[in-house]
Amino acid sequence: MTEAEFSRMFTELAQTAATLNQESDSINGILESFQKKLAALNVGIDASVALEPDLGTLWWTKSDDGWQLSFQPRGVRYSSPVLEHSRDVRIAALEELPNLVQGLKWKADEAVRAIQKAKDFVK
């Protein structure tokens, strides 16, 4: 590789990095907005999805601070707020939000069925 080719590649990387940094400024705002909307639904049920590639698990779970998105790295026994994690984890979380909502909907539907079944049994 020539010095000119390397210099061109480095310049292209610098341009992409600047765009990435600008776009990344919105990640936490998107995640915070999602959390607020989901918390306002008051579903009150945990749900999780795997983050690829093999990063760990994104959770919708209750903590001391209320319901929030949290991330549990692969091989670790605890989770912490996703907003405190690296850019790659937060971007992976953004990609999985629709799947998390779908899983939460499924679990909520199951909870409704279980409650209704118990009501019918107790009658």
Protein backbone atom coordinates (compact mmCIF):
# COMPACT_ATOMS: atom_id res chain seq x y z
CA MET A 1 0.00 0.00 0.00
CA THR A 2 1.37 3.37 -0.93
CA GLU A 3 1.51 6.36 1.38
CA ALA A 4 -1.07 8.12 -0.82
CA GLU A 5 -3.49 5.17 -0.59
CA PHE A 6 -3.06 5.00 3.16
CA SER A 7 -3.64 8.74 3.48
CA ARG A 8 -6.82 8.49 1.36
CA MET A 9 -8.13 5.59 3.48
CA PHE A 10 -7.37 7.51 6.67
CA THR A 11 -9.20 10.58 5.33
CA GLU A 12 -12.24 8.44 4.43
CA LEU A 13 -12.21 6.89 7.90
CA ALA A 14 -12.05 10.35 9.48
CA GLN A 15 -15.10 11.43 7.48
CA THR A 16 -17.05 8.31 8.46
CA ALA A 17 -16.00 8.71 12.10
CA ALA A 18 -17.28 12.29 12.12
CA THR A 19 -20.65 11.15 10.74
CA LEU A 20 -20.80 8.28 13.23
CA ASN A 21 -20.07 10.59 16.14
CA GLN A 22 -22.74 13.03 15.00
CA GLU A 23 -25.35 10.27 14.61
CA SER A 24 -24.31 8.62 17.90
CA ASP A 25 -25.25 11.76 19.79
CA SER A 26 -28.90 10.72 19.32
CA ILE A 27 -28.60 7.13 20.60
CA ASN A 28 -29.25 7.85 24.28
CA GLY A 29 -32.14 10.16 23.44
CA ILE A 30 -33.78 7.43 21.35
CA LEU A 31 -33.30 4.84 24.10
CA GLU A 32 -34.55 7.22 26.81
CA SER A 33 -37.65 8.07 24.76
CA PHE A 34 -38.34 4.37 24.20
CA GLN A 35 -38.00 3.67 27.94
CA LYS A 36 -40.43 6.46 28.83
CA LYS A 37 -43.02 5.27 26.31
CA LEU A 38 -42.74 1.66 27.43
CA ALA A 39 -42.82 2.56 31.14
CA ALA A 40 -45.97 4.64 30.54
CA LEU A 41 -47.74 1.48 29.31
CA ASN A 42 -47.30 0.01 32.80
CA VAL A 43 -47.04 -3.56 31.51
CA GLY A 44 -45.08 -4.64 34.58
CA ILE A 45 -43.52 -7.73 32.98
CA ASP A 46 -39.86 -8.49 32.26
CA ALA A 47 -38.80 -9.34 28.72
CA SER A 48 -35.47 -9.94 27.04
CA VAL A 49 -33.81 -10.38 23.64
CA ALA A 50 -30.34 -11.52 22.65
CA LEU A 51 -28.02 -8.92 21.18
CA GLU A 52 -25.92 -10.07 18.28
CA PRO A 53 -23.19 -10.83 17.59
CA ASP A 54 -23.17 -12.71 20.85
CA LEU A 55 -22.87 -9.56 22.97
CA GLY A 56 -25.33 -10.50 25.69
CA THR A 57 -28.98 -9.85 26.57
CA LEU A 58 -31.09 -6.70 26.44
CA TRP A 59 -33.69 -6.66 29.22
CA TRP A 60 -36.81 -4.66 29.98
CA THR A 61 -36.75 -5.05 33.73
CA LYS A 62 -37.55 -3.34 37.01
CA SER A 63 -34.71 -1.90 39.05
CA ASP A 64 -34.52 0.33 42.11
CA ASP A 65 -34.95 3.26 39.70
CA GLY A 66 -38.07 1.82 38.05
CA TRP A 67 -38.56 0.01 34.75
CA GLN A 68 -35.65 0.36 32.34
CA LEU A 69 -33.64 -1.16 29.56
CA SER A 70 -30.66 -2.99 30.93
CA PHE A 71 -27.85 -4.99 29.40
CA GLN A 72 -26.40 -8.23 30.70
CA PRO A 73 -23.09 -9.08 29.01
CA ARG A 74 -22.62 -12.68 27.98
CA GLY A 75 -21.20 -14.72 30.85
CA VAL A 76 -22.05 -12.10 33.50
CA ARG A 77 -24.69 -12.70 36.20
CA TYR A 78 -25.94 -9.13 36.54
CA SER A 79 -27.23 -6.40 34.28
CA SER A 80 -26.88 -2.62 34.35
CA PRO A 81 -28.61 0.22 32.50
CA VAL A 82 -28.02 -0.03 28.76
CA LEU A 83 -27.37 3.73 28.65
CA GLU A 84 -24.14 3.13 30.59
CA HIS A 85 -22.71 0.73 28.01
CA SER A 86 -20.55 1.17 24.95
CA ARG A 87 -21.72 2.54 21.63
CA ASP A 88 -21.74 -0.89 19.98
CA VAL A 89 -24.02 -2.30 22.71
CA ARG A 90 -26.38 0.68 22.48
CA ILE A 91 -26.55 0.41 18.67
CA ALA A 92 -27.24 -3.32 18.93
CA ALA A 93 -30.00 -2.49 21.44
CA LEU A 94 -31.57 -0.04 18.98
CA GLU A 95 -31.73 -2.79 16.36
CA GLU A 96 -33.52 -5.16 18.76
CA LEU A 97 -36.18 -2.79 20.16
CA PRO A 98 -38.91 -4.12 17.81
CA ASN A 99 -38.14 -7.69 18.89
CA LEU A 100 -38.23 -6.66 22.55
CA VAL A 101 -41.67 -5.09 22.07
CA GLN A 102 -42.86 -8.22 20.27
CA GLY A 103 -41.61 -10.43 23.12
CA LEU A 104 -43.18 -8.18 25.72
CA LYS A 105 -46.50 -8.30 23.84
CA TRP A 106 -46.36 -12.09 23.77
CA LYS A 107 -45.62 -12.30 27.50
CA ALA A 108 -48.41 -9.80 28.30
CA ASP A 109 -50.87 -11.84 26.21
CA GLU A 110 -49.84 -14.98 28.12
CA ALA A 111 -50.34 -13.17 31.43
CA VAL A 112 -53.84 -12.04 30.39
CA ARG A 113 -54.75 -15.60 29.39
CA ALA A 114 -53.48 -16.98 32.72
CA ILE A 115 -55.46 -14.40 34.71
CA GLN A 116 -58.61 -15.04 32.71
CA LYS A 117 -58.21 -18.79 33.11
CA ALA A 118 -57.84 -18.38 36.89
CA LYS A 119 -60.94 -16.19 37.01
CA ASP A 120 -62.94 -18.83 35.16
CA PHE A 121 -61.64 -21.53 37.49
CA VAL A 122 -62.51 -19.61 40.64
CA LYS A 123 -66.07 -18.80 39.53
